[in-house]
Structures are given as structure tokens and as C-alpha cells.
Amino acid sequence: MHNAIFDSGYWAAVPFQFWSLCFFALGCIVGSFLNVCIHRLPLGMSIVTPPSHCPHCKYSIPWWLNIPLVTWLALRGRCKNCGAPISPRYFVVELLTGLAFLGCWLKFGDPVHEYPSMPLALVYAVFLAGLICATFIDFEHFIIPDEITFGGVAAGLVASFLLPSLQDTHAIRTGLLRSAVGAAVGAGTIYAILRLGKLLFGRQKIKFPAEIKMVFSETCLHLPDKEIPYDELFWRKSDMIVARAKRVELIDRSYFDAVVRISQSSVRIEQDKFEAEEFDPEKVLHMEILGSEIIVPREAMGLGDVKFMAAIGAFLGWQSVIFSLMVSSLIGSAVGVTLILMKRREWSSKIPYGPYIALAATIWIFVGKKLAAAFFQ
């Protein structure tokens, strides 16, 4: 009996439908864990401690109230203890991850029950779980944590070493090489696009119908309709904010009809070509500008997208990078234009690009190679 348990033929006799159910259930459980990651990673919290709890009343959720899908439906999306609403995102992520795991088994699990197909299905399923986690975090916070991107690159290299068939080869060395090339192409391609986008579209001019007060605090730029953290404006040393001001107010002095140039290293106030004062930004704790126009730096993409594409390339190879870049551009453009036409978003609005890359990579996993072959045939 002991020998039979570890015999692949023994497990091959188990009905394919049983493994399908197992993959779906496992995916739902992983989805429950992804919800923890989606909530905690952007906040810099541990994903291990404390145990799952209600964010409203801090009630520690016991295991029998933490059953994927079932609990949310049974409690009608509310906390058992305080009755506060629980976001439908928890149910959606669990269901989506369950379906992703099931899809990987149906695609890569062999109907004649060849046992070696199971590891490949598991690797793809775990990879899709990472895409799901990154997607929901990017939608909510416009970031993709390094735990997912750098962790994804490392996981892709290890998986390609242990399972070369992930890279369409049986040779360990070839699998590892293809994974490394995929990561390099992924990061290099998106970084090149980022740099080109910065060159072409790296500045945004914001005009106001009348003169307004723009406040520069210690942490962000305050405009009448929004606040922009400096972290989103100053990605590199060359980034600069430029404003033509009718009046500039510092704590201890004022300027009139001046041009203000702000970078990471200096605050420069020019009243004419020959008269200017320069300050250390860390010593300018508060500044107010009265004007009707300001130019701020912006990015075509974030560095998170660079690292995210590197992780995709490490798992799926360099061909997937090219495919994902092309398809995600089409998807992102279609969604963006649709939202603009529906007046749900402005032309200059910031949009998360990671979810479109994730969707394109998912398409590659299931049908991408066939689509690419048909396109180039």
C-alpha cells in the first residue's frame, strides 16, 4: 500500500474530474490568501501575522468563517461580528483564482492522466495567481509590489530550472537560459519604451481658467482638484516642475512675476534672466504660488511595469514579452478610449497598465502560441 501511494500509475487511475475539482478548490484557497496579499502588501504589512481579521472591528476570523466563496455568500458579504460590509472583491478574487487553477489543469493536464503533466499545470496556476494579485493591487494603488515582480523573476528562473518544459525544452540548461533571456528582454523592452515615452511625453502642462493658489507642502503639490505626491513627480534627477507665478509666497519672503523651477535638488525662483535665488528643497517647508499654469513631469509607464514584464518573461520566455506588449497596448487603448467616450476618465488621467499586461500574458498561456503562429503563417 505504501509503495502504491507513491506510484504515478496509482494516481493516474484517479478520475480526471476529481483532479479538476481539486485544482478548483486549491485555487479558491489560494485566492483567499491573495486577498490578504492584496490588502496588506501595499501597506507594508506582514502577510503572515496577524491572522485574518475584520478590518473594521479587528475580529479574528476563525477557520469555519474563512471558507473560500462559501463564507462570503453565507454571510451576504458582511462581517459576522460587527455586520460591516466585506468588499465583493474578496469573492471575485477567490472565484477568479479557482477558475484560473481549473483552466490550467484542463489546458495542461492530460486527459489520459499522464502524471507528469500535473507539475506544469501547477506552475502555470501559481503564475496566474501572481498576475491576479498584481492586477488588483495595481487597480487600487497604481503600484506592483517588488514582492511580486522581483519575486516573480526569481520564481520564474527556479521553475524553469526544475521544470524545463515550461520553456518548451527538456534540457535544464536551455530552460534556464531561455528564462533569463525572457526576463532580460521583458525588462529591457519596457524600460526602452519608458525612456522613449519620457522623451516624447515627459511633461504635462496644466492650465486653469483663472489664477489659482498652488501649495507646495513637505510631501506633495496641492492643486484645487487634487494632490500629487512628490514621489509621483520626481522619478529621476532631471524631472522638474515649472510654474510662471504672479506671486510666490515663502514663509519669510515674497516674489512677484517670477518663474519657479523645482527639482529634487533645488528650488529656483527667477524674476528675470539676471536675478534668481536658489534654495535647498528640504529647507522650503511651505510655498504658495499664485498662477494659472504649471508644467509637471510625468511618466509613460512606471518602473513597476518594467519589473512586472521581466517576471512574465522569466516564466514564459521572450516571445511572450513581444506578444504581451502588443496585445496589452491594444487592450489598454480600447479600454482607455471607451472610458473617455463614456466620460469616465480624462485624456490626461493616470491608468494602471499592469492589468492589461497580465491579461495579455494570460491570453498567451492559453492561446497565444496558436494566435502567433496563425498571424505569421
Protein backbone atom coordinates (compact mmCIF):
# COMPACT_ATOMS: atom_id res chain seq x y z
CA MET A 1 0.00 0.00 0.00
CA HIS A 2 2.85 2.37 0.90
CA ASN A 3 4.53 1.80 -2.47
CA ALA A 4 1.25 2.31 -4.32
CA ILE A 5 0.78 5.76 -2.82
CA PHE A 6 4.00 6.98 -4.47
CA ASP A 7 3.36 5.14 -7.73
CA SER A 8 2.41 7.57 -10.56
CA GLY A 9 0.27 4.86 -12.13
CA TYR A 10 -1.73 4.65 -8.92
CA TRP A 11 -2.58 8.33 -9.07
CA ALA A 12 -3.18 8.12 -12.84
CA ALA A 13 -6.14 5.90 -12.11
CA VAL A 14 -7.88 8.72 -10.23
CA PRO A 15 -10.62 10.26 -12.46
CA PHE A 16 -9.64 13.41 -14.33
CA GLN A 17 -12.76 15.12 -12.97
CA PHE A 18 -11.53 14.56 -9.41
CA TRP A 19 -8.31 16.42 -10.12
CA SER A 20 -10.36 19.17 -11.79
CA LEU A 21 -12.30 19.64 -8.57
CA CYS A 22 -9.07 19.57 -6.55
CA PHE A 23 -7.49 22.27 -8.71
CA PHE A 24 -10.58 24.49 -8.43
CA ALA A 25 -10.71 24.07 -4.65
CA LEU A 26 -6.98 24.70 -4.31
CA GLY A 27 -7.32 27.81 -6.45
CA CYS A 28 -10.10 29.18 -4.24
CA ILE A 29 -7.92 28.61 -1.16
CA VAL A 30 -5.00 30.39 -2.85
CA GLY A 31 -7.42 33.17 -3.81
CA SER A 32 -8.28 33.65 -0.14
CA PHE A 33 -4.56 34.11 0.57
CA LEU A 34 -4.27 36.51 -2.38
CA ASN A 35 -6.90 38.71 -0.75
CA VAL A 36 -4.61 39.04 2.25
CA CYS A 37 -1.71 39.97 -0.05
CA ILE A 38 -3.80 42.48 -2.00
CA HIS A 39 -4.80 44.24 1.21
CA ARG A 40 -1.50 44.10 3.11
CA LEU A 41 1.37 44.31 0.62
CA PRO A 42 0.69 47.92 -0.50
CA LEU A 43 0.50 48.92 3.18
CA GLY A 44 3.82 47.31 4.02
CA MET A 45 2.15 44.86 6.41
CA SER A 46 3.14 41.26 7.07
CA ILE A 47 1.11 38.69 5.13
CA VAL A 48 1.64 36.15 7.91
CA THR A 49 0.69 37.99 11.09
CA PRO A 50 -1.74 38.90 12.45
CA PRO A 51 -4.21 36.19 11.35
CA SER A 52 -7.17 37.09 9.13
CA HIS A 53 -9.40 39.64 10.82
CA CYS A 54 -12.13 42.13 10.05
CA PRO A 55 -10.56 45.49 9.09
CA HIS A 56 -13.44 47.30 10.82
CA CYS A 57 -13.78 45.66 14.25
CA LYS A 58 -10.48 43.66 14.23
CA TYR A 59 -12.44 40.46 14.95
CA SER A 60 -10.12 37.47 14.43
CA ILE A 61 -11.82 35.26 11.86
CA PRO A 62 -11.93 31.53 12.82
CA TRP A 63 -11.34 28.92 10.14
CA TRP A 64 -15.00 27.95 9.86
CA LEU A 65 -15.80 31.56 8.91
CA ASN A 66 -12.95 31.71 6.42
CA ILE A 67 -14.07 29.13 3.87
CA PRO A 68 -13.50 30.49 0.34
CA LEU A 69 -16.64 31.52 -1.57
CA VAL A 70 -18.98 29.83 0.89
CA THR A 71 -18.46 32.20 3.82
CA TRP A 72 -18.92 35.39 1.78
CA LEU A 73 -22.17 34.06 0.31
CA ALA A 74 -23.46 32.69 3.63
CA LEU A 75 -22.81 35.98 5.44
CA ARG A 76 -24.09 38.00 2.46
CA GLY A 77 -20.85 39.94 2.27
CA ARG A 78 -20.84 41.13 5.88
CA CYS A 79 -18.71 40.58 8.97
CA LYS A 80 -20.21 38.02 11.33
CA ASN A 81 -19.17 40.06 14.37
CA CYS A 82 -19.95 43.70 13.53
CA GLY A 83 -22.01 43.44 10.35
CA ALA A 84 -19.72 45.77 8.39
CA PRO A 85 -19.72 45.16 4.61
CA ILE A 86 -16.98 42.97 3.13
CA SER A 87 -15.92 44.04 -0.35
CA PRO A 88 -17.16 41.84 -3.24
CA ARG A 89 -13.51 41.82 -4.32
CA TYR A 90 -12.87 39.03 -1.80
CA PHE A 91 -15.40 36.77 -3.51
CA VAL A 92 -14.30 37.77 -7.01
CA VAL A 93 -10.61 37.06 -6.34
CA GLU A 94 -11.36 33.64 -4.82
CA LEU A 95 -13.61 32.66 -7.73
CA LEU A 96 -11.24 34.03 -10.36
CA THR A 97 -8.25 32.21 -8.87
CA GLY A 98 -10.26 28.97 -8.62
CA LEU A 99 -11.21 29.24 -12.29
CA ALA A 100 -7.59 30.06 -13.22
CA PHE A 101 -6.32 26.91 -11.47
CA LEU A 102 -9.07 24.84 -13.08
CA GLY A 103 -8.27 26.30 -16.50
CA CYS A 104 -4.59 25.43 -16.13
CA TRP A 105 -5.46 21.82 -15.26
CA LEU A 106 -7.90 21.48 -18.16
CA LYS A 107 -5.33 23.00 -20.55
CA PHE A 108 -2.14 21.31 -19.37
CA GLY A 109 -3.47 18.27 -17.52
CA ASP A 110 -3.55 15.27 -19.83
CA PRO A 111 -6.98 13.64 -20.36
CA VAL A 112 -5.30 10.22 -20.38
CA HIS A 113 -3.92 11.02 -16.95
CA GLU A 114 -0.19 11.26 -17.63
CA TYR A 115 1.04 12.22 -14.18
CA PRO A 116 4.00 14.39 -15.30
CA SER A 117 1.56 16.99 -16.68
CA MET A 118 0.44 18.00 -13.18
CA PRO A 119 3.58 19.99 -12.22
CA LEU A 120 3.31 22.12 -15.37
CA ALA A 121 -0.33 22.87 -14.63
CA LEU A 122 0.59 23.85 -11.05
CA VAL A 123 3.39 26.17 -12.17
CA TYR A 124 1.12 27.98 -14.62
CA ALA A 125 -1.59 28.19 -11.96
CA VAL A 126 0.76 29.76 -9.42
CA PHE A 127 1.96 32.19 -12.09
CA LEU A 128 -1.62 33.23 -12.85
CA ALA A 129 -2.21 33.72 -9.12
CA GLY A 130 0.64 36.23 -9.15
CA LEU A 131 -0.94 38.03 -12.12
CA ILE A 132 -4.27 38.23 -10.31
CA CYS A 133 -2.65 39.66 -7.19
CA ALA A 134 -0.69 42.24 -9.20
CA THR A 135 -3.79 43.23 -11.17
CA PHE A 136 -5.96 44.05 -8.17
CA ILE A 137 -3.17 45.90 -6.36
CA ASP A 138 -2.38 47.97 -9.46
CA PHE A 139 -6.04 48.84 -9.99
CA GLU A 140 -6.35 50.11 -6.42
CA HIS A 141 -2.93 51.60 -5.68
CA PHE A 142 -1.25 52.10 -9.11
CA ILE A 143 1.74 50.05 -7.96
CA ILE A 144 3.02 46.49 -8.33
CA PRO A 145 4.98 45.49 -5.20
CA ASP A 146 8.54 44.22 -5.54
CA GLU A 147 7.50 41.05 -3.73
CA ILE A 148 5.52 40.16 -6.87
CA THR A 149 7.89 41.49 -9.54
CA PHE A 150 11.33 40.58 -8.20
CA GLY A 151 9.85 37.50 -6.56
CA GLY A 152 8.30 36.57 -9.91
CA VAL A 153 11.64 36.82 -11.71
CA ALA A 154 13.29 34.56 -9.12
CA ALA A 155 10.39 32.10 -9.18
CA GLY A 156 10.44 32.00 -13.00
CA LEU A 157 14.15 31.15 -13.05
CA VAL A 158 13.75 28.42 -10.41
CA ALA A 159 10.67 26.97 -12.11
CA SER A 160 12.45 26.88 -15.48
CA PHE A 161 15.40 25.09 -13.87
CA LEU A 162 13.23 22.49 -12.14
CA LEU A 163 10.73 22.14 -14.99
CA PRO A 164 12.39 22.93 -18.36
CA SER A 165 9.16 22.04 -20.20
CA LEU A 166 7.92 25.45 -19.02
CA GLN A 167 10.29 26.84 -21.68
CA ASP A 168 9.42 24.16 -24.28
CA THR A 169 12.55 22.13 -23.76
CA HIS A 170 13.76 19.08 -21.84
CA ALA A 171 17.26 20.46 -21.22
CA ILE A 172 17.73 22.14 -17.85
CA ARG A 173 20.43 24.48 -19.11
CA THR A 174 18.35 25.57 -22.09
CA GLY A 175 15.30 26.14 -19.92
CA LEU A 176 17.25 28.32 -17.50
CA LEU A 177 18.86 30.27 -20.36
CA ARG A 178 15.51 30.93 -22.05
CA SER A 179 14.08 32.12 -18.74
CA ALA A 180 16.99 34.54 -18.20
CA VAL A 181 16.71 35.85 -21.77
CA GLY A 182 12.96 36.31 -21.31
CA ALA A 183 13.50 38.34 -18.14
CA ALA A 184 16.13 40.50 -19.83
CA VAL A 185 14.00 41.11 -22.92
CA GLY A 186 10.96 41.88 -20.76
CA ALA A 187 12.75 44.43 -18.60
CA GLY A 188 14.79 45.91 -21.45
CA THR A 189 11.86 46.37 -23.83
CA ILE A 190 9.59 48.10 -21.35
CA TYR A 191 12.42 50.24 -19.99
CA ALA A 192 13.23 51.40 -23.53
CA ILE A 193 9.57 52.32 -24.04
CA LEU A 194 9.56 54.12 -20.69
CA ARG A 195 12.59 56.19 -21.70
CA LEU A 196 11.15 56.98 -25.13
CA GLY A 197 7.81 57.91 -23.59
CA LYS A 198 9.59 60.19 -21.14
CA LEU A 199 11.36 61.91 -24.02
CA LEU A 200 8.18 62.40 -26.07
CA PHE A 201 5.51 62.83 -23.40
CA GLY A 202 7.52 63.53 -20.26
CA ARG A 203 5.85 66.83 -19.41
CA GLN A 204 2.23 67.75 -18.81
CA LYS A 205 1.00 71.34 -18.96
CA ILE A 206 -1.92 72.03 -16.65
CA LYS A 207 -3.87 75.22 -17.36
CA PHE A 208 -6.56 76.78 -15.18
CA PRO A 209 -9.29 79.16 -16.35
CA ALA A 210 -8.20 81.73 -13.75
CA GLU A 211 -5.32 82.36 -11.41
CA ILE A 212 -5.37 79.87 -8.54
CA LYS A 213 -3.27 79.11 -5.47
CA MET A 214 -0.87 76.16 -5.78
CA VAL A 215 0.59 74.97 -2.50
CA PHE A 216 3.87 73.07 -2.17
CA SER A 217 3.98 71.30 1.19
CA GLU A 218 6.66 68.99 2.55
CA THR A 219 5.16 65.92 0.86
CA CYS A 220 3.07 66.91 -2.15
CA LEU A 221 1.76 69.51 -4.58
CA HIS A 222 -1.75 70.71 -3.69
CA LEU A 223 -3.91 71.81 -6.62
CA PRO A 224 -7.58 72.85 -6.38
CA ASP A 225 -8.86 69.49 -7.62
CA LYS A 226 -6.16 67.05 -6.49
CA GLU A 227 -2.99 66.38 -4.55
CA ILE A 228 0.10 64.94 -6.27
CA PRO A 229 2.77 63.32 -4.05
CA TYR A 230 6.32 64.27 -4.99
CA ASP A 231 7.12 60.55 -5.38
CA GLU A 232 4.87 60.55 -8.45
CA LEU A 233 6.54 63.62 -9.94
CA PHE A 234 10.26 63.14 -9.32
CA TRP A 235 11.32 59.78 -10.74
CA ARG A 236 14.76 60.94 -11.79
CA LYS A 237 17.12 63.85 -11.22
CA SER A 238 16.15 65.55 -14.49
CA ASP A 239 12.44 65.83 -13.57
CA MET A 240 11.33 69.40 -12.94
CA ILE A 241 8.18 71.35 -12.09
CA VAL A 242 7.94 74.74 -13.82
CA ALA A 243 5.38 77.42 -12.96
CA ARG A 244 5.02 81.04 -14.06
CA ALA A 245 3.74 82.86 -10.99
CA LYS A 246 2.11 86.22 -10.47
CA ARG A 247 3.14 85.90 -6.83
CA VAL A 248 5.30 83.49 -4.82
CA GLU A 249 4.96 83.29 -1.05
CA LEU A 250 7.60 81.66 1.15
CA ILE A 251 7.49 81.68 4.93
CA ASP A 252 9.78 84.71 5.17
CA ARG A 253 9.64 86.43 1.77
CA SER A 254 7.62 87.11 -1.38
CA TYR A 255 8.32 87.40 -5.13
CA PHE A 256 6.27 88.84 -7.98
CA ASP A 257 6.10 87.93 -11.69
CA ALA A 258 8.56 85.07 -11.31
CA VAL A 259 9.31 81.69 -12.86
CA VAL A 260 9.65 78.87 -10.33
CA ARG A 261 11.66 75.74 -11.18
CA ILE A 262 11.53 72.85 -8.70
CA SER A 263 13.61 69.67 -8.91
CA GLN A 264 14.82 67.07 -6.44
CA SER A 265 17.94 69.12 -5.70
CA SER A 266 16.80 72.75 -5.86
CA VAL A 267 14.03 75.33 -5.77
CA ARG A 268 14.95 78.17 -8.15
CA ILE A 269 12.94 81.41 -8.32
CA GLU A 270 13.75 83.66 -11.31
CA GLN A 271 12.42 87.20 -11.53
CA ASP A 272 14.40 87.90 -14.68
CA LYS A 273 17.36 86.44 -16.57
CA PHE A 274 19.87 88.05 -14.26
CA GLU A 275 18.14 87.84 -10.90
CA ALA A 276 17.44 84.46 -9.35
CA GLU A 277 17.58 82.79 -5.95
CA GLU A 278 18.10 79.10 -5.30
CA PHE A 279 17.12 77.11 -2.19
CA ASP A 280 17.53 73.62 -0.78
CA PRO A 281 14.13 71.85 -1.20
CA GLU A 282 14.39 70.30 2.26
CA LYS A 283 14.52 73.79 3.78
CA VAL A 284 11.49 75.06 1.84
CA LEU A 285 8.78 73.64 4.10
CA HIS A 286 5.91 75.59 2.58
CA MET A 287 5.49 77.62 -0.60
CA GLU A 288 2.43 79.12 -2.26
CA ILE A 289 2.23 80.16 -5.89
CA LEU A 290 -0.50 82.26 -7.48
CA GLY A 291 -0.74 81.47 -11.19
CA SER A 292 -2.80 79.92 -13.96
CA GLU A 293 -0.38 77.41 -15.48
CA ILE A 294 2.03 74.75 -14.28
CA ILE A 295 4.16 72.14 -16.06
CA VAL A 296 4.74 68.87 -14.19
CA PRO A 297 6.81 65.79 -15.14
CA ARG A 298 5.03 62.56 -15.91
CA GLU A 299 5.84 59.00 -16.89
CA ALA A 300 4.59 56.96 -19.85
CA MET A 301 4.98 53.88 -17.62
CA GLY A 302 6.15 53.12 -14.12
CA LEU A 303 9.21 51.12 -13.17
CA GLY A 304 6.84 48.55 -11.68
CA ASP A 305 5.74 47.67 -15.22
CA VAL A 306 9.39 47.13 -16.20
CA LYS A 307 9.92 44.64 -13.38
CA PHE A 308 6.50 43.06 -13.99
CA MET A 309 7.32 42.31 -17.62
CA ALA A 310 10.67 40.87 -16.52
CA ALA A 311 8.78 38.40 -14.31
CA ILE A 312 6.49 37.46 -17.20
CA GLY A 313 9.48 36.91 -19.47
CA ALA A 314 11.20 34.75 -16.83
CA PHE A 315 8.17 32.44 -16.72
CA LEU A 316 7.01 32.47 -20.33
CA GLY A 317 10.03 33.36 -22.46
CA TRP A 318 10.90 36.32 -24.68
CA GLN A 319 8.21 35.53 -27.27
CA SER A 320 5.53 36.11 -24.62
CA VAL A 321 7.02 39.55 -23.92
CA ILE A 322 6.54 40.72 -27.52
CA PHE A 323 3.05 39.23 -27.64
CA SER A 324 2.04 40.71 -24.27
CA LEU A 325 3.36 44.14 -25.22
CA MET A 326 1.39 44.22 -28.47
CA VAL A 327 -1.85 42.79 -27.08
CA SER A 328 -1.77 44.83 -23.86
CA SER A 329 -1.35 48.01 -25.94
CA LEU A 330 -4.45 47.13 -27.96
CA ILE A 331 -6.46 46.25 -24.86
CA GLY A 332 -5.31 49.33 -22.93
CA SER A 333 -6.07 51.64 -25.86
CA ALA A 334 -9.54 50.16 -26.35
CA VAL A 335 -10.40 50.42 -22.65
CA GLY A 336 -8.94 53.93 -22.31
CA VAL A 337 -10.78 55.34 -25.33
CA THR A 338 -14.03 53.68 -24.21
CA LEU A 339 -13.76 55.24 -20.73
CA ILE A 340 -13.01 58.64 -22.25
CA LEU A 341 -16.01 58.41 -24.59
CA MET A 342 -18.17 57.42 -21.62
CA LYS A 343 -16.74 60.46 -19.78
CA ARG A 344 -15.45 58.22 -17.02
CA ARG A 345 -11.86 59.38 -17.49
CA GLU A 346 -9.92 62.36 -18.86
CA TRP A 347 -7.24 62.13 -21.58
CA SER A 348 -4.53 63.01 -19.07
CA SER A 349 -5.77 60.65 -16.34
CA LYS A 350 -3.39 58.09 -14.93
CA ILE A 351 -4.29 54.48 -15.73
CA PRO A 352 -2.82 51.23 -14.40
CA TYR A 353 -1.08 49.35 -17.20
CA GLY A 354 -0.20 46.22 -15.22
CA PRO A 355 -3.69 44.65 -15.52
CA TYR A 356 -3.54 44.83 -19.33
CA ILE A 357 -0.10 43.20 -19.36
CA ALA A 358 -1.45 40.49 -17.04
CA LEU A 359 -4.44 39.84 -19.31
CA ALA A 360 -2.22 39.66 -22.38
CA ALA A 361 0.11 37.18 -20.62
CA THR A 362 -2.90 35.06 -19.68
CA ILE A 363 -4.02 35.01 -23.31
CA TRP A 364 -0.51 33.89 -24.28
CA ILE A 365 -0.63 30.96 -21.86
CA PHE A 366 -3.87 29.55 -23.23
CA VAL A 367 -4.00 30.53 -26.91
CA GLY A 368 -1.13 32.91 -27.58
CA LYS A 369 1.17 30.49 -29.39
CA LYS A 370 -1.61 29.45 -31.76
CA LEU A 371 -2.53 33.08 -32.43
CA ALA A 372 1.10 33.99 -33.10
CA ALA A 373 1.55 31.01 -35.44
CA ALA A 374 -1.61 31.90 -37.35
CA PHE A 375 -0.59 35.58 -37.61
CA PHE A 376 2.89 34.84 -39.01
CA GLN A 377 1.80 31.93 -41.21
